[in-house]
Protein backbone atom coordinates (compact mmCIF):
# COMPACT_ATOMS: atom_id res chain seq x y z
CA MET A 1 -9.00 44.32 -23.37
CA MET A 2 -10.00 43.81 -19.83
CA LYS A 3 -13.61 46.42 -20.99
CA LYS A 4 -13.67 43.75 -24.43
CA ASN A 5 -13.73 41.11 -21.92
CA ILE A 6 -16.32 42.12 -19.68
CA LEU A 7 -18.61 43.31 -22.85
CA SER A 8 -18.13 39.61 -24.14
CA VAL A 9 -19.40 38.22 -20.79
CA ALA A 10 -22.10 40.76 -20.59
CA LEU A 11 -23.18 39.98 -23.49
CA ASN A 12 -23.11 35.53 -23.43
CA PHE A 13 -25.50 36.46 -20.12
CA ILE A 14 -27.55 38.24 -22.25
CA ALA A 15 -27.17 35.43 -24.83
CA ILE A 16 -28.73 33.19 -22.76
CA PHE A 17 -31.52 34.53 -21.66
CA GLN A 18 -32.01 36.17 -25.35
CA THR A 19 -32.69 31.89 -26.52
CA LEU A 20 -35.03 30.83 -23.40
CA PRO A 21 -38.56 29.62 -24.63
CA PRO A 22 -40.94 32.60 -24.23
CA PRO A 23 -43.55 31.52 -21.28
CA ILE A 24 -47.15 31.64 -22.82
CA THR A 25 -48.95 34.81 -24.00
CA THR A 26 -52.22 35.32 -22.30
CA ALA A 27 -54.78 39.13 -23.18
CA ALA A 28 -55.53 39.24 -19.29
CA ALA A 29 -51.04 38.74 -18.31
CA VAL A 30 -50.38 41.67 -21.18
CA SER A 31 -53.57 43.64 -19.73
CA LYS A 32 -51.87 44.21 -15.96
CA GLY A 33 -49.37 46.07 -17.98
CA ARG A 34 -46.94 47.38 -20.44
CA TYR A 35 -43.82 47.72 -18.63
CA PHE A 36 -41.73 47.30 -15.43
CA THR A 37 -40.54 50.89 -13.86
CA ILE A 38 -37.19 51.93 -12.33
CA LEU A 39 -35.42 53.62 -10.30
CA SER A 40 -32.30 54.06 -9.47
CA ILE A 41 -30.03 56.72 -7.24
CA ASP A 42 -26.79 56.30 -7.00
CA GLY A 43 -24.99 57.23 -3.51
CA GLY A 44 -22.68 59.78 -2.97
CA GLY A 45 -23.18 62.25 0.17
CA VAL A 46 -23.82 65.85 -0.10
CA ARG A 47 -23.86 64.87 -4.01
CA GLY A 48 -27.58 63.45 -3.08
CA ILE A 49 -28.92 66.69 -4.51
CA ILE A 50 -27.40 66.21 -7.96
CA PRO A 51 -30.15 63.70 -8.28
CA ALA A 52 -32.52 65.02 -5.87
CA THR A 53 -32.60 68.35 -8.04
CA ILE A 54 -34.00 65.75 -11.36
CA LEU A 55 -35.79 64.23 -9.42
CA ALA A 56 -38.02 67.12 -8.10
CA PHE A 57 -38.23 67.94 -11.83
CA LEU A 58 -39.89 64.94 -12.91
CA GLU A 59 -41.96 65.14 -10.50
CA SER A 60 -43.16 68.62 -11.75
CA LYS A 61 -43.81 67.39 -14.66
CA LEU A 62 -46.05 64.30 -13.88
CA GLN A 63 -48.00 66.91 -11.64
CA GLU A 64 -47.95 68.85 -14.84
CA VAL A 65 -50.28 65.47 -16.11
CA ASP A 66 -51.99 63.87 -13.59
CA GLY A 67 -51.75 66.75 -10.17
CA PRO A 68 -50.44 68.52 -7.75
CA ASN A 69 -50.61 65.14 -5.71
CA ALA A 70 -48.94 62.88 -7.81
CA ARG A 71 -45.96 61.56 -5.93
CA ILE A 72 -42.63 59.23 -7.48
CA ALA A 73 -43.71 56.31 -5.74
CA ASP A 74 -46.99 56.48 -8.05
CA TYR A 75 -45.01 55.79 -11.06
CA PHE A 76 -42.61 53.05 -10.34
CA ASP A 77 -42.39 49.35 -9.47
CA VAL A 78 -39.36 48.89 -7.91
CA VAL A 79 -36.83 52.39 -6.43
CA ALA A 80 -33.45 51.36 -5.64
CA GLY A 81 -30.78 53.18 -3.80
CA THR A 82 -27.93 52.97 -1.81
CA SER A 83 -25.96 55.71 0.37
CA THR A 84 -27.01 58.48 -0.03
CA GLY A 85 -29.47 57.60 -2.83
CA GLY A 86 -31.04 54.59 0.11
CA ILE A 87 -32.29 57.80 2.11
CA ILE A 88 -33.84 59.27 -0.72
CA THR A 89 -35.58 56.50 -1.32
CA ALA A 90 -37.17 56.31 1.91
CA MET A 91 -37.91 59.78 1.44
CA LEU A 92 -39.77 59.03 -1.71
CA THR A 93 -41.31 56.02 -0.15
CA ALA A 94 -42.10 55.80 3.76
CA PRO A 95 -45.47 57.07 3.84
CA ASP A 96 -46.86 59.27 6.29
CA ALA A 97 -50.66 58.92 8.67
CA ASP A 98 -52.77 59.49 5.34
CA ASN A 99 -50.73 56.55 3.50
CA ARG A 100 -48.87 59.47 1.29
CA PRO A 101 -44.51 59.78 1.08
CA ILE A 102 -43.25 61.99 3.16
CA PHE A 103 -41.67 63.56 1.78
CA ALA A 104 -42.78 65.89 -2.44
CA ALA A 105 -39.82 65.34 -4.21
CA SER A 106 -39.04 69.13 -3.65
CA GLU A 107 -38.32 68.74 -0.50
CA ILE A 108 -35.63 67.01 -1.34
CA PRO A 109 -32.68 69.54 -2.14
CA THR A 110 -34.23 71.62 0.47
CA PHE A 111 -33.17 68.94 3.39
CA TYR A 112 -29.42 68.33 1.53
CA LEU A 113 -28.99 71.96 1.75
CA GLU A 114 -30.72 72.67 5.51
CA GLN A 115 -29.12 68.95 7.24
CA SER A 116 -25.81 68.06 5.29
CA PRO A 117 -24.07 70.65 6.88
CA ARG A 118 -25.08 69.63 10.76
CA ILE A 119 -24.60 65.82 9.54
CA PHE A 120 -21.17 66.75 7.90
CA PRO A 121 -19.77 69.60 10.09
CA GLU A 122 -16.81 71.43 8.80
CA PHE A 123 -15.66 71.65 12.50
CA ARG A 124 -14.84 68.43 12.16
CA ARG A 125 -13.70 68.73 8.98
CA ASN A 126 -10.96 70.74 9.14
CA ASN A 127 -9.88 70.50 12.38
CA PHE A 128 -6.26 69.53 12.93
CA VAL A 129 -6.43 66.71 16.61
CA LEU A 130 -10.30 65.47 15.00
CA SER A 131 -8.43 64.52 11.42
CA LEU A 132 -5.08 63.27 13.28
CA ALA A 133 -6.91 61.42 15.16
CA ASN A 134 -8.93 60.04 12.37
CA PHE A 135 -6.13 59.19 10.72
CA PHE A 136 -5.23 56.56 13.03
CA GLY A 137 -8.85 55.67 14.36
CA GLY A 138 -12.18 56.05 14.43
CA PRO A 139 -14.78 57.45 11.51
CA LYS A 140 -14.21 61.56 10.33
CA TYR A 141 -17.46 62.17 12.01
CA ASP A 142 -19.26 60.21 14.97
CA GLY A 143 -22.84 59.90 12.83
CA LYS A 144 -24.86 60.81 15.88
CA TYR A 145 -27.01 63.68 14.29
CA LEU A 146 -27.87 61.15 11.04
CA ARG A 147 -29.28 58.65 13.22
CA GLY A 148 -31.66 60.88 15.52
CA LEU A 149 -32.23 63.10 12.23
CA THR A 150 -33.47 59.19 10.83
CA ARG A 151 -35.02 58.12 13.53
CA LYS A 152 -37.69 60.70 14.03
CA ILE A 153 -37.86 60.86 9.94
CA LEU A 154 -38.68 57.85 9.13
CA GLY A 155 -39.49 56.60 13.46
CA ASN A 156 -40.43 52.75 14.06
CA LEU A 157 -41.35 52.21 9.57
CA THR A 158 -40.14 48.78 9.32
CA ILE A 159 -39.36 48.20 5.01
CA LYS A 160 -41.97 46.23 5.03
CA GLU A 161 -44.58 49.59 4.64
CA THR A 162 -42.81 50.72 1.65
CA LEU A 163 -45.67 52.39 -0.92
CA THR A 164 -43.14 51.16 -3.35
CA ASN A 165 -40.79 47.72 -3.97
CA VAL A 166 -37.50 49.39 -2.69
CA VAL A 167 -34.42 47.74 -3.10
CA ILE A 168 -31.38 49.51 -0.52
CA PRO A 169 -28.28 47.90 -0.67
CA ALA A 170 -25.53 47.87 2.75
CA PHE A 171 -22.27 45.19 3.09
CA ASP A 172 -21.50 43.15 6.16
CA ILE A 173 -18.21 43.55 7.64
CA LYS A 174 -18.75 40.07 9.85
CA ARG A 175 -20.08 38.31 7.08
CA LEU A 176 -17.99 40.02 3.94
CA GLN A 177 -20.87 39.90 1.65
CA PRO A 178 -23.76 42.17 0.91
CA ILE A 179 -26.93 42.31 2.39
CA ILE A 180 -30.28 43.56 0.02
CA PHE A 181 -32.97 45.05 2.03
CA THR A 182 -35.55 44.43 -0.25
CA THR A 183 -39.88 45.10 0.76
CA SER A 184 -41.09 41.84 -1.40
CA ASP A 185 -38.20 40.70 1.27
CA ALA A 186 -39.57 42.35 4.14
CA LYS A 187 -42.99 40.57 3.43
CA SER A 188 -41.76 37.50 3.31
CA ASP A 189 -39.11 36.66 5.52
CA VAL A 190 -39.45 38.97 9.48
CA SER A 191 -36.18 39.13 9.32
CA LYS A 192 -35.26 40.89 6.73
CA ASN A 193 -38.23 43.41 8.00
CA ALA A 194 -35.33 45.99 9.85
CA GLN A 195 -36.39 48.76 10.50
CA LEU A 196 -36.28 51.26 7.06
CA SER A 197 -33.85 53.97 10.36
CA ASP A 198 -32.00 51.17 10.72
CA VAL A 199 -31.91 50.54 6.60
CA CYS A 200 -30.58 54.00 5.92
CA ILE A 201 -28.34 53.98 8.39
CA SER A 202 -26.32 51.42 7.02
CA THR A 203 -26.24 52.01 3.50
CA SER A 204 -25.24 55.28 4.36
CA ALA A 205 -22.45 54.50 6.47
CA ALA A 206 -18.97 55.11 4.17
CA PRO A 207 -15.82 54.19 5.90
CA THR A 208 -14.01 56.49 7.12
CA PHE A 209 -16.82 58.26 6.61
CA LEU A 210 -19.72 57.51 9.40
CA PRO A 211 -18.99 54.45 11.62
CA PRO A 212 -19.98 50.79 10.97
CA HIS A 213 -24.46 50.05 12.13
CA TYR A 214 -25.34 47.66 14.14
CA PHE A 215 -28.91 46.45 14.83
CA GLU A 216 -30.89 42.81 15.92
CA THR A 217 -33.72 41.68 13.85
CA MET A 218 -35.90 38.77 15.24
CA ASN A 219 -36.98 35.61 12.90
CA ALA A 220 -40.35 33.72 13.29
CA GLN A 221 -38.99 31.46 15.53
CA GLY A 222 -37.25 34.46 17.98
CA GLU A 223 -34.31 33.51 17.12
CA ILE A 224 -31.61 36.88 17.02
CA ARG A 225 -30.13 37.78 13.32
CA SER A 226 -27.72 40.28 13.81
CA TYR A 227 -26.34 43.05 11.29
CA ASP A 228 -22.95 45.19 11.33
CA LEU A 229 -22.97 47.27 8.13
CA ILE A 230 -21.04 49.85 5.82
CA ASP A 231 -22.01 51.89 2.29
CA GLY A 232 -23.87 49.58 0.43
CA GLY A 233 -21.67 51.45 -2.16
CA VAL A 234 -18.89 49.66 -1.43
CA ALA A 235 -20.71 46.74 -3.39
CA ALA A 236 -23.59 48.37 -5.07
CA ASN A 237 -22.69 51.99 -5.30
CA ASN A 238 -24.94 51.87 -8.42
CA PRO A 239 -27.76 50.02 -7.79
CA THR A 240 -29.77 49.97 -11.19
CA LEU A 241 -28.21 46.10 -12.01
CA MET A 242 -29.38 45.23 -8.57
CA ALA A 243 -32.96 46.89 -9.25
CA ILE A 244 -33.28 44.31 -12.30
CA THR A 245 -31.60 41.44 -11.11
CA HIS A 246 -34.36 41.87 -8.87
CA VAL A 247 -37.12 42.24 -11.19
CA THR A 248 -36.15 39.20 -12.99
CA LYS A 249 -36.19 37.26 -8.87
CA GLU A 250 -39.85 38.36 -8.28
CA ILE A 251 -40.07 37.05 -11.73
CA PHE A 252 -38.46 33.59 -11.27
CA LYS A 253 -40.99 33.90 -8.52
CA GLY A 254 -44.37 34.28 -9.74
CA ASN A 255 -44.39 37.74 -8.30
CA SER A 256 -45.06 39.61 -11.76
CA HIS A 257 -47.87 42.17 -13.17
CA LEU A 258 -46.08 40.79 -16.51
CA VAL A 259 -46.33 37.55 -16.08
CA ASP A 260 -45.31 37.39 -20.75
CA MET A 261 -42.43 38.23 -19.41
CA GLU A 262 -39.04 36.28 -19.98
CA PRO A 263 -36.09 37.07 -17.55
CA MET A 264 -33.64 40.11 -18.58
CA ASP A 265 -36.45 40.94 -21.32
CA SER A 266 -35.40 44.98 -21.47
CA LYS A 267 -38.24 45.74 -23.94
CA LYS A 268 -40.59 45.76 -20.76
CA MET A 269 -38.32 47.94 -18.97
CA VAL A 270 -38.37 51.67 -18.64
CA VAL A 271 -35.48 52.20 -16.42
CA LEU A 272 -33.83 56.02 -14.83
CA SER A 273 -30.76 55.50 -13.48
CA LEU A 274 -29.14 58.99 -11.52
CA GLY A 275 -25.90 59.49 -10.51
CA THR A 276 -24.36 61.49 -7.89
CA GLY A 277 -21.53 62.75 -10.49
CA ILE A 278 -17.84 61.89 -11.12
CA PRO A 279 -14.57 63.63 -11.15
CA GLN A 280 -13.20 64.92 -14.96
CA ASN A 281 -11.03 62.37 -17.46
CA GLU A 282 -8.10 64.49 -15.62
CA GLY A 283 -9.08 63.48 -12.28
CA LYS A 284 -8.54 63.62 -8.73
CA TYR A 285 -5.09 61.07 -8.86
CA ASN A 286 -2.24 60.12 -11.18
CA ALA A 287 -0.36 56.70 -11.50
CA ALA A 288 2.92 59.04 -10.17
CA LYS A 289 1.26 60.48 -6.86
CA ALA A 290 -0.12 56.85 -6.20
CA SER A 291 3.37 55.03 -6.18
CA ARG A 292 4.17 56.59 -3.47
CA TRP A 293 1.98 55.49 -1.54
CA GLY A 294 1.51 52.91 0.97
CA SER A 295 -1.31 50.81 2.26
CA LEU A 296 -1.80 54.55 4.31
CA GLY A 297 -1.89 56.64 1.17
CA TRP A 298 -4.10 54.03 -0.55
CA VAL A 299 -6.88 54.38 1.81
CA TYR A 300 -5.71 58.68 3.28
CA ASP A 301 -4.61 61.05 1.37
CA ASN A 302 -4.55 64.87 2.20
CA GLY A 303 -8.12 64.46 2.76
CA GLU A 304 -9.45 62.58 -0.10
CA THR A 305 -9.59 58.54 0.54
CA PRO A 306 -8.55 57.24 -3.14
CA LEU A 307 -9.36 53.23 -2.44
CA LEU A 308 -13.22 54.13 -1.71
CA ASP A 309 -12.97 56.51 -4.68
CA VAL A 310 -12.13 53.74 -6.62
CA PHE A 311 -14.33 51.78 -4.90
CA ILE A 312 -17.45 54.17 -6.10
CA ASP A 313 -16.19 55.26 -8.85
CA GLY A 314 -15.35 51.75 -10.59
CA SER A 315 -18.23 49.96 -9.56
CA SER A 316 -20.53 52.50 -10.71
CA ASP A 317 -18.89 52.66 -14.45
CA MET A 318 -18.91 49.04 -14.61
CA VAL A 319 -22.59 48.51 -13.09
CA ASP A 320 -23.37 51.30 -16.36
CA ILE A 321 -21.91 49.36 -19.11
CA HIS A 322 -23.29 46.08 -18.33
CA VAL A 323 -26.55 47.81 -18.44
CA SER A 324 -26.20 49.82 -21.08
CA THR A 325 -24.74 46.38 -22.59
CA LEU A 326 -27.72 44.84 -22.20
CA PHE A 327 -30.63 47.65 -23.93
CA GLN A 328 -28.39 48.62 -26.71
CA SER A 329 -27.90 44.86 -27.86
CA ILE A 330 -31.09 44.39 -28.98
CA HIS A 331 -31.43 48.19 -29.50
CA ASN A 332 -33.97 49.07 -26.93
CA GLU A 333 -31.56 51.26 -25.44
CA LYS A 334 -34.33 54.58 -25.20
CA ASN A 335 -35.97 52.66 -22.16
CA TYR A 336 -32.50 53.17 -20.44
CA LEU A 337 -32.07 56.25 -19.19
CA ARG A 338 -28.76 57.46 -17.28
CA ILE A 339 -27.92 60.85 -16.34
CA GLN A 340 -25.16 61.58 -15.48
CA GLU A 341 -22.22 64.21 -14.81
CA ASP A 342 -19.26 62.72 -15.75
CA SER A 343 -17.20 66.59 -15.26
CA LEU A 344 -16.77 67.18 -10.71
CA THR A 345 -14.27 69.35 -9.85
CA GLY A 346 -12.54 70.42 -6.76
CA GLU A 347 -14.84 70.52 -4.14
CA SER A 348 -17.94 69.65 -5.70
CA SER A 349 -16.59 66.13 -6.73
CA SER A 350 -15.65 65.96 -2.51
CA LEU A 351 -18.49 63.16 -0.44
CA ASP A 352 -18.40 66.08 2.50
CA ILE A 353 -17.86 68.74 2.30
CA ALA A 354 -21.34 70.26 3.20
CA THR A 355 -20.58 74.33 2.80
CA THR A 356 -23.14 76.67 2.04
CA GLU A 357 -21.33 77.47 -1.12
CA ASN A 358 -20.71 73.15 -2.02
CA LEU A 359 -23.70 72.91 -2.04
CA GLU A 360 -25.90 75.33 -3.68
CA ARG A 361 -23.11 74.40 -7.05
CA LEU A 362 -24.35 70.96 -6.38
CA ALA A 363 -27.61 71.95 -6.75
CA GLU A 364 -26.60 74.21 -9.70
CA ILE A 365 -25.01 70.67 -11.42
CA GLY A 366 -27.96 68.93 -11.03
CA ASN A 367 -30.13 71.89 -13.06
CA ASP A 368 -27.25 72.22 -15.43
CA LEU A 369 -27.67 68.40 -16.29
CA LEU A 370 -31.10 69.10 -17.29
CA ASN A 371 -30.49 71.49 -20.14
CA LYS A 372 -27.59 68.87 -21.05
CA PRO A 373 -28.12 67.04 -24.16
CA VAL A 374 -29.20 62.66 -23.58
CA SER A 375 -25.17 60.91 -23.38
CA ARG A 376 -24.71 57.33 -22.92
CA VAL A 377 -21.83 55.49 -21.85
CA ASN A 378 -19.59 54.25 -25.28
CA LEU A 379 -18.80 50.98 -24.70
CA GLU A 380 -15.94 50.73 -26.74
CA THR A 381 -14.35 53.27 -24.55
CA GLY A 382 -16.63 53.40 -21.56
CA GLY A 383 -16.46 57.80 -21.75
CA TYR A 384 -19.85 59.54 -21.96
CA GLU A 385 -20.99 60.87 -25.30
CA ALA A 386 -24.10 63.20 -25.95
CA VAL A 387 -26.64 60.87 -28.41
CA HIS A 388 -27.71 62.69 -32.02
CA GLY A 389 -31.32 63.64 -31.97
CA GLU A 390 -32.51 62.55 -28.94
CA GLY A 391 -32.83 66.40 -27.48
CA THR A 392 -31.92 66.99 -23.64
CA ASN A 393 -32.07 65.76 -20.39
CA GLU A 394 -34.62 67.77 -19.15
CA GLU A 395 -36.65 66.92 -23.07
CA ALA A 396 -36.18 62.88 -22.27
CA LEU A 397 -37.55 63.39 -18.70
CA THR A 398 -40.63 65.26 -20.14
CA ARG A 399 -41.21 61.86 -22.49
CA PHE A 400 -40.47 59.75 -19.05
CA ALA A 401 -42.76 61.01 -17.35
CA ARG A 402 -45.17 60.68 -20.30
CA LEU A 403 -44.66 58.17 -19.93
CA ILE A 404 -44.46 56.07 -16.96
CA SER A 405 -47.99 58.48 -16.39
CA GLU A 406 -49.70 56.05 -19.38
CA GLU A 407 -48.52 52.70 -17.95
CA ARG A 408 -50.06 54.02 -14.57
CA LYS A 409 -53.27 55.04 -16.56
CA PHE A 410 -53.19 51.78 -18.40
CA ARG A 411 -53.17 50.09 -15.64
CA ALA A 412 -55.91 51.12 -13.86
CA LEU A 413 -57.50 50.78 -16.95
CA SER A 414 -56.76 47.53 -17.03
CA HIS A 415 -58.43 46.54 -13.76
């Protein structure tokens, strides 16, 4: 019943936009581009190595078409990322001294393999005294290594300097509201032009795992704006809908390269949404076990964080249902490719187990996903089902690479 109500609301929302009269179309407007291209990357701690592996494959396909210097940031109008996905977003879009991305996608899986054990050291996870201290107060990890590493890589770069538009959410626990950092907002409001390192530290500050992050910016009048931020995953672990909404906002502001595009017009959007995996259907928890939990049990249970898991996985799936409804309602589902592993078990479903064995297993899961059939959420059951006739994720990504490469060339010829 709940899912039917949600779908009804989503369909009504879409119907409202579809009844709006289309803007006047001009040849000049159409010539600037045919699609808005969007990349979205979920949060998920060390499981970020799964979408990183998929992005490395996509970039390799782009390089086959356009040469070895092709990079992900060259092809997407918007890159959105939450938590670990926000860090990947910064790595793909932050410029180096030559104004090219500081990381190729192929380098990011290795980054996870090398740096994750230092961000989530095993001794802090398995030490009884530290675990007891974490239970009564303080995060499991102090975050010092992550903060130092992020500042070393990103330096003084600010969010307005990204090579393409980015959307990275966090959550302000003082204001009790989401804070969405975007390139376009940073260019128009200096108080929103935070350092990329601060944005990355904030969006990945998962409650109980890493400490909240405080920083300040200054507006044009010299007034201080303060931020008290935690992981964006508590609001939008899957930032796909947030990215689509951002595109709609830019259309309303007149900043679209497709001025003939209607709000929420999925026919003019090409969206790649990458998950970080969720536990298999039988899951980590059950009603019998949860019925014995009090307030602390919901927050912490035998090393797990049930309430955080529910928020993160539930919100990610809900976004997928909404976006799938948007695209399927006008039979344009092929423009939305969601790649998600829905059968993680054991240590692979953890956010912070950063042993070499688990990280290599997660990278293998990412590679195995390429060979699995394209799947799409069933709007009635909420589960993923293989789609007949659309091949594997590898084949879909190869087609996707050709499409966004052709779009980039089309725009270049239109100038």
